[in-house]
Amino acid sequence: MSTDNPMQFRVTMGQSIDTLSFFGEPYHIGDEILVPLLRMPFEGDPAGVASIKPVAIIRIEGMKVSISAMPNRLLIVLASLLLASWNAYWLLKTVRAWLRNR
């Protein structure tokens, strides 16, 4: 990917990227333009496979620009697991107490 962008650098995968590589393909929805802001890892595995993840959405509507952060799915999954574990603990404790008093 070669552009006239002065902030080019190399990642360990050997592929040259620039600052324009951190913006995804813009989507046109009605009068709005949505542009994903991407996070690219600086270290890839030896096979050269890298995971690119969206971190924010840039919304352009006329002269108004807003940025919305993407939620971190890992935190949502961990919170769900914690809540499920807490509920399972109290459910099993209640069943055990009920069976003991039966």
PDB file of N, CA and C in Angstrom:
ATOM      1  N   MET A   1       0.853  -1.163   0.000  1.00  0.00           N
ATOM      2  CA  MET A   1       0.000   0.000   0.000  1.00  0.00           C
ATOM      3  C   MET A   1       0.895   1.220   0.000  1.00  0.00           C
ATOM      4  N   SER A   2       0.976   1.940  -1.065  1.00  0.00           N
ATOM      5  CA  SER A   2       1.852   3.094  -1.073  1.00  0.00           C
ATOM      6  C   SER A   2       1.037   4.352  -1.328  1.00  0.00           C
ATOM      7  N   THR A   3       1.248   5.314  -0.466  1.00  0.00           N
ATOM      8  CA  THR A   3       0.572   6.605  -0.577  1.00  0.00           C
ATOM      9  C   THR A   3       1.602   7.699  -0.355  1.00  0.00           C
ATOM     10  N   ASP A   4       1.171   8.928  -0.411  1.00  0.00           N
ATOM     11  CA  ASP A   4       2.066  10.051  -0.142  1.00  0.00           C
ATOM     12  C   ASP A   4       2.069  10.424   1.329  1.00  0.00           C
ATOM     13  N   ASN A   5       1.570   9.541   2.169  1.00  0.00           N
ATOM     14  CA  ASN A   5       1.488   9.808   3.593  1.00  0.00           C
ATOM     15  C   ASN A   5       2.896   9.783   4.187  1.00  0.00           C
ATOM     16  N   PRO A   6       3.329  10.833   4.907  1.00  0.00           N
ATOM     17  CA  PRO A   6       4.694  10.875   5.434  1.00  0.00           C
ATOM     18  C   PRO A   6       4.913   9.962   6.633  1.00  0.00           C
ATOM     19  N   MET A   7       3.845   9.450   7.243  1.00  0.00           N
ATOM     20  CA  MET A   7       3.995   8.655   8.456  1.00  0.00           C
ATOM     21  C   MET A   7       3.969   7.165   8.146  1.00  0.00           C
ATOM     22  N   GLN A   8       4.780   6.707   7.230  1.00  0.00           N
ATOM     23  CA  GLN A   8       4.854   5.286   6.926  1.00  0.00           C
ATOM     24  C   GLN A   8       5.813   4.601   7.886  1.00  0.00           C
ATOM     25  N   PHE A   9       5.516   3.358   8.214  1.00  0.00           N
ATOM     26  CA  PHE A   9       6.399   2.570   9.051  1.00  0.00           C
ATOM     27  C   PHE A   9       6.220   1.114   8.671  1.00  0.00           C
ATOM     28  N   ARG A  10       7.091   0.282   9.179  1.00  0.00           N
ATOM     29  CA  ARG A  10       7.028  -1.148   8.866  1.00  0.00           C
ATOM     30  C   ARG A  10       6.615  -1.915  10.100  1.00  0.00           C
ATOM     31  N   VAL A  11       5.814  -2.938   9.892  1.00  0.00           N
ATOM     32  CA  VAL A  11       5.472  -3.849  10.971  1.00  0.00           C
ATOM     33  C   VAL A  11       6.363  -5.067  10.842  1.00  0.00           C
ATOM     34  N   THR A  12       6.381  -5.912  11.863  1.00  0.00           N
ATOM     35  CA  THR A  12       7.293  -7.051  11.854  1.00  0.00           C
ATOM     36  C   THR A  12       6.929  -8.083  10.804  1.00  0.00           C
ATOM     37  N   MET A  13       5.720  -8.030  10.251  1.00  0.00           N
ATOM     38  CA  MET A  13       5.332  -8.985   9.228  1.00  0.00           C
ATOM     39  C   MET A  13       5.993  -8.662   7.898  1.00  0.00           C
ATOM     40  N   GLY A  14       6.671  -7.552   7.798  1.00  0.00           N
ATOM     41  CA  GLY A  14       7.362  -7.195   6.584  1.00  0.00           C
ATOM     42  C   GLY A  14       6.508  -6.427   5.594  1.00  0.00           C
ATOM     43  N   GLN A  15       5.286  -6.113   5.964  1.00  0.00           N
ATOM     44  CA  GLN A  15       4.408  -5.392   5.050  1.00  0.00           C
ATOM     45  C   GLN A  15       4.402  -3.924   5.456  1.00  0.00           C
ATOM     46  N   SER A  16       4.530  -3.048   4.489  1.00  0.00           N
ATOM     47  CA  SER A  16       4.560  -1.620   4.758  1.00  0.00           C
ATOM     48  C   SER A  16       3.135  -1.093   4.849  1.00  0.00           C
ATOM     49  N   ILE A  17       2.845  -0.376   5.936  1.00  0.00           N
ATOM     50  CA  ILE A  17       1.527   0.220   6.092  1.00  0.00           C
ATOM     51  C   ILE A  17       1.711   1.691   6.437  1.00  0.00           C
ATOM     52  N   ASP A  18       0.662   2.465   6.262  1.00  0.00           N
ATOM     53  CA  ASP A  18       0.720   3.879   6.615  1.00  0.00           C
ATOM     54  C   ASP A  18      -0.505   4.225   7.448  1.00  0.00           C
ATOM     55  N   THR A  19      -0.636   5.486   7.817  1.00  0.00           N
ATOM     56  CA  THR A  19      -1.747   5.883   8.682  1.00  0.00           C
ATOM     57  C   THR A  19      -3.097   5.691   8.016  1.00  0.00           C
ATOM     58  N   LEU A  20      -3.154   5.691   6.704  1.00  0.00           N
ATOM     59  CA  LEU A  20      -4.427   5.461   6.021  1.00  0.00           C
ATOM     60  C   LEU A  20      -4.886   4.015   6.161  1.00  0.00           C
ATOM     61  N   SER A  21      -4.000   3.120   6.555  1.00  0.00           N
ATOM     62  CA  SER A  21      -4.364   1.716   6.741  1.00  0.00           C
ATOM     63  C   SER A  21      -5.222   1.501   7.979  1.00  0.00           C
ATOM     64  N   PHE A  22      -5.304   2.490   8.848  1.00  0.00           N
ATOM     65  CA  PHE A  22      -6.065   2.350  10.082  1.00  0.00           C
ATOM     66  C   PHE A  22      -7.524   2.756   9.924  1.00  0.00           C
ATOM     67  N   PHE A  23      -7.915   3.123   8.734  1.00  0.00           N
ATOM     68  CA  PHE A  23      -9.298   3.471   8.454  1.00  0.00           C
ATOM     69  C   PHE A  23      -9.863   2.442   7.489  1.00  0.00           C
ATOM     70  N   GLY A  24     -11.043   1.894   7.807  1.00  0.00           N
ATOM     71  CA  GLY A  24     -11.663   0.904   6.945  1.00  0.00           C
ATOM     72  C   GLY A  24     -12.397   1.547   5.777  1.00  0.00           C
ATOM     73  N   GLU A  25     -13.031   0.708   4.994  1.00  0.00           N
ATOM     74  CA  GLU A  25     -13.803   1.152   3.834  1.00  0.00           C
ATOM     75  C   GLU A  25     -15.026   1.941   4.314  1.00  0.00           C
ATOM     76  N   PRO A  26     -15.250   3.161   3.793  1.00  0.00           N
ATOM     77  CA  PRO A  26     -16.409   3.943   4.235  1.00  0.00           C
ATOM     78  C   PRO A  26     -17.714   3.352   3.701  1.00  0.00           C
ATOM     79  N   TYR A  27     -18.747   3.414   4.535  1.00  0.00           N
ATOM     80  CA  TYR A  27     -20.079   2.943   4.165  1.00  0.00           C
ATOM     81  C   TYR A  27     -21.008   4.143   4.053  1.00  0.00           C
ATOM     82  N   HIS A  28     -21.765   4.223   2.986  1.00  0.00           N
ATOM     83  CA  HIS A  28     -22.722   5.307   2.782  1.00  0.00           C
ATOM     84  C   HIS A  28     -24.114   4.789   3.121  1.00  0.00           C
ATOM     85  N   ILE A  29     -24.730   5.371   4.135  1.00  0.00           N
ATOM     86  CA  ILE A  29     -26.077   4.995   4.545  1.00  0.00           C
ATOM     87  C   ILE A  29     -26.908   6.268   4.558  1.00  0.00           C
ATOM     88  N   GLY A  30     -27.715   6.446   3.539  1.00  0.00           N
ATOM     89  CA  GLY A  30     -28.501   7.667   3.419  1.00  0.00           C
ATOM     90  C   GLY A  30     -27.584   8.867   3.283  1.00  0.00           C
ATOM     91  N   ASP A  31     -27.753   9.852   4.178  1.00  0.00           N
ATOM     92  CA  ASP A  31     -26.911  11.047   4.178  1.00  0.00           C
ATOM     93  C   ASP A  31     -25.657  10.877   5.032  1.00  0.00           C
ATOM     94  N   GLU A  32     -25.534   9.742   5.708  1.00  0.00           N
ATOM     95  CA  GLU A  32     -24.405   9.515   6.604  1.00  0.00           C
ATOM     96  C   GLU A  32     -23.307   8.712   5.918  1.00  0.00           C
ATOM     97  N   ILE A  33     -22.097   8.941   6.388  1.00  0.00           N
ATOM     98  CA  ILE A  33     -20.944   8.145   5.979  1.00  0.00           C
ATOM     99  C   ILE A  33     -20.350   7.557   7.255  1.00  0.00           C
ATOM    100  N   LEU A  34     -20.213   6.230   7.288  1.00  0.00           N
ATOM    101  CA  LEU A  34     -19.638   5.552   8.441  1.00  0.00           C
ATOM    102  C   LEU A  34     -18.269   5.008   8.051  1.00  0.00           C
ATOM    103  N   VAL A  35     -17.252   5.354   8.849  1.00  0.00           N
ATOM    104  CA  VAL A  35     -15.885   4.913   8.579  1.00  0.00           C
ATOM    105  C   VAL A  35     -15.372   4.184   9.818  1.00  0.00           C
ATOM    106  N   PRO A  36     -15.040   2.885   9.709  1.00  0.00           N
ATOM    107  CA  PRO A  36     -14.490   2.182  10.870  1.00  0.00           C
ATOM    108  C   PRO A  36     -13.027   2.569  11.115  1.00  0.00           C
ATOM    109  N   LEU A  37     -12.686   2.740  12.358  1.00  0.00           N
ATOM    110  CA  LEU A  37     -11.312   3.001  12.783  1.00  0.00           C
ATOM    111  C   LEU A  37     -10.763   1.680  13.292  1.00  0.00           C
ATOM    112  N   LEU A  38      -9.651   1.227  12.727  1.00  0.00           N
ATOM    113  CA  LEU A  38      -9.145  -0.118  12.987  1.00  0.00           C
ATOM    114  C   LEU A  38      -7.914  -0.113  13.866  1.00  0.00           C
ATOM    115  N   ARG A  39      -7.744  -1.203  14.588  1.00  0.00           N
ATOM    116  CA  ARG A  39      -6.523  -1.413  15.361  1.00  0.00           C
ATOM    117  C   ARG A  39      -5.793  -2.584  14.725  1.00  0.00           C
ATOM    118  N   MET A  40      -4.557  -2.342  14.351  1.00  0.00           N
ATOM    119  CA  MET A  40      -3.750  -3.385  13.729  1.00  0.00           C
ATOM    120  C   MET A  40      -2.610  -3.724  14.671  1.00  0.00           C
ATOM    121  N   PRO A  41      -2.352  -4.999  14.872  1.00  0.00           N
ATOM    122  CA  PRO A  41      -1.235  -5.376  15.750  1.00  0.00           C
ATOM    123  C   PRO A  41       0.099  -5.057  15.087  1.00  0.00           C
ATOM    124  N   PHE A  42       1.093  -4.765  15.900  1.00  0.00           N
ATOM    125  CA  PHE A  42       2.421  -4.472  15.381  1.00  0.00           C
ATOM    126  C   PHE A  42       3.270  -5.726  15.258  1.00  0.00           C
ATOM    127  N   GLU A  43       2.830  -6.813  15.883  1.00  0.00           N
ATOM    128  CA  GLU A  43       3.555  -8.065  15.778  1.00  0.00           C
ATOM    129  C   GLU A  43       2.601  -9.124  15.277  1.00  0.00           C
ATOM    130  N   GLY A  44       2.958  -9.783  14.213  1.00  0.00           N
ATOM    131  CA  GLY A  44       2.137 -10.856  13.672  1.00  0.00           C
ATOM    132  C   GLY A  44       2.797 -12.191  13.921  1.00  0.00           C
ATOM    133  N   ASP A  45       2.077 -13.242  13.653  1.00  0.00           N
ATOM    134  CA  ASP A  45       2.687 -14.557  13.793  1.00  0.00           C
ATOM    135  C   ASP A  45       3.552 -14.852  12.571  1.00  0.00           C
ATOM    136  N   PRO A  46       4.347 -15.886  12.617  1.00  0.00           N
ATOM    137  CA  PRO A  46       5.266 -16.161  11.505  1.00  0.00           C
ATOM    138  C   PRO A  46       4.561 -16.386  10.169  1.00  0.00           C
ATOM    139  N   ALA A  47       3.303 -16.807  10.208  1.00  0.00           N
ATOM    140  CA  ALA A  47       2.586 -17.044   8.950  1.00  0.00           C
ATOM    141  C   ALA A  47       2.133 -15.740   8.309  1.00  0.00           C
ATOM    142  N   GLY A  48       2.264 -14.639   9.018  1.00  0.00           N
ATOM    143  CA  GLY A  48       1.881 -13.344   8.478  1.00  0.00           C
ATOM    144  C   GLY A  48       0.407 -13.020   8.633  1.00  0.00           C
ATOM    145  N   VAL A  49      -0.290 -13.782   9.478  1.00  0.00           N
ATOM    146  CA  VAL A  49      -1.715 -13.549   9.695  1.00  0.00           C
ATOM    147  C   VAL A  49      -1.863 -12.592  10.869  1.00  0.00           C
ATOM    148  N   ALA A  50      -2.588 -11.523  10.684  1.00  0.00           N
ATOM    149  CA  ALA A  50      -2.790 -10.542  11.744  1.00  0.00           C
ATOM    150  C   ALA A  50      -4.281 -10.311  11.903  1.00  0.00           C
ATOM    151  N   SER A  51      -4.712 -10.074  13.121  1.00  0.00           N
ATOM    152  CA  SER A  51      -6.125  -9.785  13.348  1.00  0.00           C
ATOM    153  C   SER A  51      -6.317  -8.275  13.397  1.00  0.00           C
ATOM    154  N   ILE A  52      -7.220  -7.795  12.587  1.00  0.00           N
ATOM    155  CA  ILE A  52      -7.540  -6.372  12.542  1.00  0.00           C
ATOM    156  C   ILE A  52      -8.897  -6.202  13.195  1.00  0.00           C
ATOM    157  N   LYS A  53      -8.974  -5.350  14.212  1.00  0.00           N
ATOM    158  CA  LYS A  53     -10.212  -5.197  14.968  1.00  0.00           C
ATOM    159  C   LYS A  53     -10.691  -3.756  14.905  1.00  0.00           C
ATOM    160  N   PRO A  54     -12.009  -3.551  14.741  1.00  0.00           N
ATOM    161  CA  PRO A  54     -12.531  -2.188  14.790  1.00  0.00           C
ATOM    162  C   PRO A  54     -12.568  -1.690  16.240  1.00  0.00           C
ATOM    163  N   VAL A  55     -12.156  -0.453  16.460  1.00  0.00           N
ATOM    164  CA  VAL A  55     -12.178   0.114  17.803  1.00  0.00           C
ATOM    165  C   VAL A  55     -13.145   1.289  17.916  1.00  0.00           C
ATOM    166  N   ALA A  56     -13.506   1.882  16.787  1.00  0.00           N
ATOM    167  CA  ALA A  56     -14.431   3.020  16.822  1.00  0.00           C
ATOM    168  C   ALA A  56     -15.076   3.184  15.446  1.00  0.00           C
ATOM    169  N   ILE A  57     -16.179   3.904  15.434  1.00  0.00           N
ATOM    170  CA  ILE A  57     -16.871   4.237  14.186  1.00  0.00           C
ATOM    171  C   ILE A  57     -16.906   5.766  14.080  1.00  0.00           C
ATOM    172  N   ILE A  58     -16.439   6.263  12.961  1.00  0.00           N
ATOM    173  CA  ILE A  58     -16.498   7.703  12.699  1.00  0.00           C
ATOM    174  C   ILE A  58     -17.740   7.946  11.854  1.00  0.00           C
ATOM    175  N   ARG A  59     -18.658   8.756  12.352  1.00  0.00           N
ATOM    176  CA  ARG A  59     -19.916   9.046  11.660  1.00  0.00           C
ATOM    177  C   ARG A  59     -19.870  10.477  11.136  1.00  0.00           C
ATOM    178  N   ILE A  60     -20.014  10.624   9.823  1.00  0.00           N
ATOM    179  CA  ILE A  60     -19.983  11.940   9.180  1.00  0.00           C
ATOM    180  C   ILE A  60     -21.363  12.197   8.584  1.00  0.00           C
ATOM    181  N   GLU A  61     -21.999  13.258   9.037  1.00  0.00           N
ATOM    182  CA  GLU A  61     -23.319  13.636   8.533  1.00  0.00           C
ATOM    183  C   GLU A  61     -23.287  15.128   8.219  1.00  0.00           C
ATOM    184  N   GLY A  62     -23.151  15.453   6.948  1.00  0.00           N
ATOM    185  CA  GLY A  62     -23.016  16.855   6.549  1.00  0.00           C
ATOM    186  C   GLY A  62     -21.712  17.416   7.080  1.00  0.00           C
ATOM    187  N   MET A  63     -21.800  18.455   7.899  1.00  0.00           N
ATOM    188  CA  MET A  63     -20.613  19.059   8.512  1.00  0.00           C
ATOM    189  C   MET A  63     -20.401  18.577   9.946  1.00  0.00           C
ATOM    190  N   LYS A  64     -21.198  17.619  10.388  1.00  0.00           N
ATOM    191  CA  LYS A  64     -21.130  17.118  11.763  1.00  0.00           C
ATOM    192  C   LYS A  64     -20.388  15.777  11.784  1.00  0.00           C
ATOM    193  N   VAL A  65     -19.362  15.674  12.629  1.00  0.00           N
ATOM    194  CA  VAL A  65     -18.562  14.456  12.751  1.00  0.00           C
ATOM    195  C   VAL A  65     -18.611  13.994  14.197  1.00  0.00           C
ATOM    196  N   SER A  66     -18.884  12.704  14.397  1.00  0.00           N
ATOM    197  CA  SER A  66     -18.868  12.149  15.750  1.00  0.00           C
ATOM    198  C   SER A  66     -18.147  10.804  15.719  1.00  0.00           C
ATOM    199  N   ILE A  67     -17.568  10.449  16.851  1.00  0.00           N
ATOM    200  CA  ILE A  67     -16.837   9.192  16.982  1.00  0.00           C
ATOM    201  C   ILE A  67     -17.475   8.390  18.099  1.00  0.00           C
ATOM    202  N   SER A  68     -17.827   7.147  17.810  1.00  0.00           N
ATOM    203  CA  SER A  68     -18.418   6.241  18.796  1.00  0.00           C
ATOM    204  C   SER A  68     -17.483   5.066  18.996  1.00  0.00           C
ATOM    205  N   ALA A  69     -17.146   4.797  20.241  1.00  0.00           N
ATOM    206  CA  ALA A  69     -16.254   3.671  20.542  1.00  0.00           C
ATOM    207  C   ALA A  69     -17.017   2.362  20.440  1.00  0.00           C
ATOM    208  N   MET A  70     -16.337   1.334  19.958  1.00  0.00           N
ATOM    209  CA  MET A  70     -16.916  -0.004  19.903  1.00  0.00           C
ATOM    210  C   MET A  70     -16.741  -0.642  21.274  1.00  0.00           C
ATOM    211  N   PRO A  71     -17.753  -1.345  21.757  1.00  0.00           N
ATOM    212  CA  PRO A  71     -17.603  -1.973  23.078  1.00  0.00           C
ATOM    213  C   PRO A  71     -16.582  -3.107  23.025  1.00  0.00           C
ATOM    214  N   ASN A  72     -15.880  -3.286  24.116  1.00  0.00           N
ATOM    215  CA  ASN A  72     -14.904  -4.365  24.226  1.00  0.00           C
ATOM    216  C   ASN A  72     -15.650  -5.655  24.562  1.00  0.00           C
ATOM    217  N   ARG A  73     -15.670  -6.593  23.624  1.00  0.00           N
ATOM    218  CA  ARG A  73     -16.434  -7.826  23.817  1.00  0.00           C
ATOM    219  C   ARG A  73     -15.856  -8.699  24.920  1.00  0.00           C
ATOM    220  N   LEU A  74     -14.570  -8.625  25.154  1.00  0.00           N
ATOM    221  CA  LEU A  74     -13.963  -9.443  26.199  1.00  0.00           C
ATOM    222  C   LEU A  74     -14.529  -9.087  27.561  1.00  0.00           C
ATOM    223  N   LEU A  75     -14.683  -7.797  27.839  1.00  0.00           N
ATOM    224  CA  LEU A  75     -15.245  -7.373  29.129  1.00  0.00           C
ATOM    225  C   LEU A  75     -16.686  -7.825  29.281  1.00  0.00           C
ATOM    226  N   ILE A  76     -17.448  -7.793  28.194  1.00  0.00           N
ATOM    227  CA  ILE A  76     -18.840  -8.237  28.237  1.00  0.00           C
ATOM    228  C   ILE A  76     -18.917  -9.730  28.526  1.00  0.00           C
ATOM    229  N   VAL A  77     -18.057 -10.511  27.878  1.00  0.00           N
ATOM    230  CA  VAL A  77     -18.038 -11.959  28.103  1.00  0.00           C
ATOM    231  C   VAL A  77     -17.616 -12.282  29.531  1.00  0.00           C
ATOM    232  N   LEU A  78     -16.587 -11.599  30.029  1.00  0.00           N
ATOM    233  CA  LEU A  78     -16.134 -11.852  31.401  1.00  0.00           C
ATOM    234  C   LEU A  78     -17.197 -11.480  32.428  1.00  0.00           C
ATOM    235  N   ALA A  79     -17.889 -10.369  32.212  1.00  0.00           N
ATOM    236  CA  ALA A  79     -18.955  -9.970  33.132  1.00  0.00           C
ATOM    237  C   ALA A  79     -20.102 -10.979  33.091  1.00  0.00           C
ATOM    238  N   SER A  80     -20.415 -11.492  31.916  1.00  0.00           N
ATOM    239  CA  SER A  80     -21.476 -12.496  31.785  1.00  0.00           C
ATOM    240  C   SER A  80     -21.098 -13.786  32.509  1.00  0.00           C
ATOM    241  N   LEU A  81     -19.837 -14.202  32.358  1.00  0.00           N
ATOM    242  CA  LEU A  81     -19.383 -15.408  33.049  1.00  0.00           C
ATOM    243  C   LEU A  81     -19.405 -15.228  34.565  1.00  0.00           C
ATOM    244  N   LEU A  82     -19.012 -14.058  35.023  1.00  0.00           N
ATOM    245  CA  LEU A  82     -19.042 -13.778  36.458  1.00  0.00           C
ATOM    246  C   LEU A  82     -20.470 -13.818  36.990  1.00  0.00           C
ATOM    247  N   LEU A  83     -21.408 -13.208  36.265  1.00  0.00           N
ATOM    248  CA  LEU A  83     -22.811 -13.208  36.687  1.00  0.00           C
ATOM    249  C   LEU A  83     -23.385 -14.615  36.672  1.00  0.00           C
ATOM    250  N   ALA A  84     -23.064 -15.415  35.638  1.00  0.00           N
ATOM    251  CA  ALA A  84     -23.551 -16.790  35.562  1.00  0.00           C
ATOM    252  C   ALA A  84     -22.988 -17.635  36.711  1.00  0.00           C
ATOM    253  N   SER A  85     -21.719 -17.443  37.033  1.00  0.00           N
ATOM    254  CA  SER A  85     -21.106 -18.177  38.144  1.00  0.00           C
ATOM    255  C   SER A  85     -21.753 -17.809  39.475  1.00  0.00           C
ATOM    256  N   TRP A  86     -22.006 -16.518  39.668  1.00  0.00           N
ATOM    257  CA  TRP A  86     -22.649 -16.048  40.900  1.00  0.00           C
ATOM    258  C   TRP A  86     -24.054 -16.649  41.038  1.00  0.00           C
ATOM    259  N   ASN A  87     -24.808 -16.660  39.949  1.00  0.00           N
ATOM    260  CA  ASN A  87     -26.156 -17.235  39.986  1.00  0.00           C
ATOM    261  C   ASN A  87     -26.109 -18.739  40.230  1.00  0.00           C
ATOM    262  N   ALA A  88     -25.168 -19.440  39.603  1.00  0.00           N
ATOM    263  CA  ALA A  88     -25.044 -20.884  39.809  1.00  0.00           C
ATOM    264  C   ALA A  88     -24.675 -21.195  41.253  1.00  0.00           C
ATOM    265  N   TYR A  89     -23.786 -20.406  41.833  1.00  0.00           N
ATOM    266  CA  TYR A  89     -23.404 -20.603  43.238  1.00  0.00           C
ATOM    267  C   TYR A  89     -24.616 -20.508  44.150  1.00  0.00           C
ATOM    268  N   TRP A  90     -25.398 -19.449  44.025  1.00  0.00           N
ATOM    269  CA  TRP A  90     -26.544 -19.269  44.913  1.00  0.00           C
ATOM    270  C   TRP A  90     -27.655 -20.273  44.637  1.00  0.00           C
ATOM    271  N   LEU A  91     -27.830 -20.657  43.392  1.00  0.00           N
ATOM    272  CA  LEU A  91     -28.832 -21.669  43.068  1.00  0.00           C
ATOM    273  C   LEU A  91     -28.452 -23.007  43.691  1.00  0.00           C
ATOM    274  N   LEU A  92     -27.204 -23.417  43.538  1.00  0.00           N
ATOM    275  CA  LEU A  92     -26.766 -24.685  44.122  1.00  0.00           C
ATOM    276  C   LEU A  92     -26.772 -24.635  45.648  1.00  0.00           C
ATOM    277  N   LYS A  93     -26.429 -23.502  46.225  1.00  0.00           N
ATOM    278  CA  LYS A  93     -26.457 -23.375  47.686  1.00  0.00           C
ATOM    279  C   LYS A  93     -27.895 -23.469  48.203  1.00  0.00           C
ATOM    280  N   THR A  94     -28.843 -22.887  47.486  1.00  0.00           N
ATOM    281  CA  THR A  94     -30.247 -22.950  47.877  1.00  0.00           C
ATOM    282  C   THR A  94     -30.770 -24.380  47.757  1.00  0.00           C
ATOM    283  N   VAL A  95     -30.444 -25.058  46.672  1.00  0.00           N
ATOM    284  CA  VAL A  95     -30.891 -26.447  46.491  1.00  0.00           C
ATOM    285  C   VAL A  95     -30.292 -27.337  47.568  1.00  0.00           C
ATOM    286  N   ARG A  96     -29.037 -27.130  47.897  1.00  0.00           N
ATOM    287  CA  ARG A  96     -28.395 -27.937  48.936  1.00  0.00           C
ATOM    288  C   ARG A  96     -29.044 -27.717  50.285  1.00  0.00           C
ATOM    289  N   ALA A  97     -29.340 -26.467  50.635  1.00  0.00           N
ATOM    290  CA  ALA A  97     -30.016 -26.169  51.901  1.00  0.00           C
ATOM    291  C   ALA A  97     -31.432 -26.749  51.915  1.00  0.00           C
ATOM    292  N   TRP A  98     -32.112 -26.695  50.793  1.00  0.00           N
ATOM    293  CA  TRP A  98     -33.479 -27.221  50.708  1.00  0.00           C
ATOM    294  C   TRP A  98     -33.469 -28.746  50.895  1.00  0.00           C
ATOM    295  N   LEU A  99     -32.492 -29.418  50.244  1.00  0.00           N
ATOM    296  CA  LEU A  99     -32.405 -30.874  50.385  1.00  0.00           C
ATOM    297  C   LEU A  99     -31.995 -31.287  51.795  1.00  0.00           C
ATOM    298  N   ARG A 100     -31.171 -30.500  52.441  1.00  0.00           N
ATOM    299  CA  ARG A 100     -30.735 -30.819  53.809  1.00  0.00           C
ATOM    300  C   ARG A 100     -31.900 -30.701  54.790  1.00  0.00           C
ATOM    301  N   ASN A 101     -32.795 -29.733  54.581  1.00  0.00           N
ATOM    302  CA  ASN A 101     -33.917 -29.532  55.499  1.00  0.00           C
ATOM    303  C   ASN A 101     -35.131 -30.374  55.147  1.00  0.00           C
ATOM    304  N   ARG A 102     -35.061 -31.127  54.130  1.00  0.00           N
ATOM    305  CA  ARG A 102     -36.185 -31.935  53.674  1.00  0.00           C
ATOM    306  C   ARG A 102     -36.391 -33.145  54.486  1.00  0.00           C
TER     307      ARG A 102
END
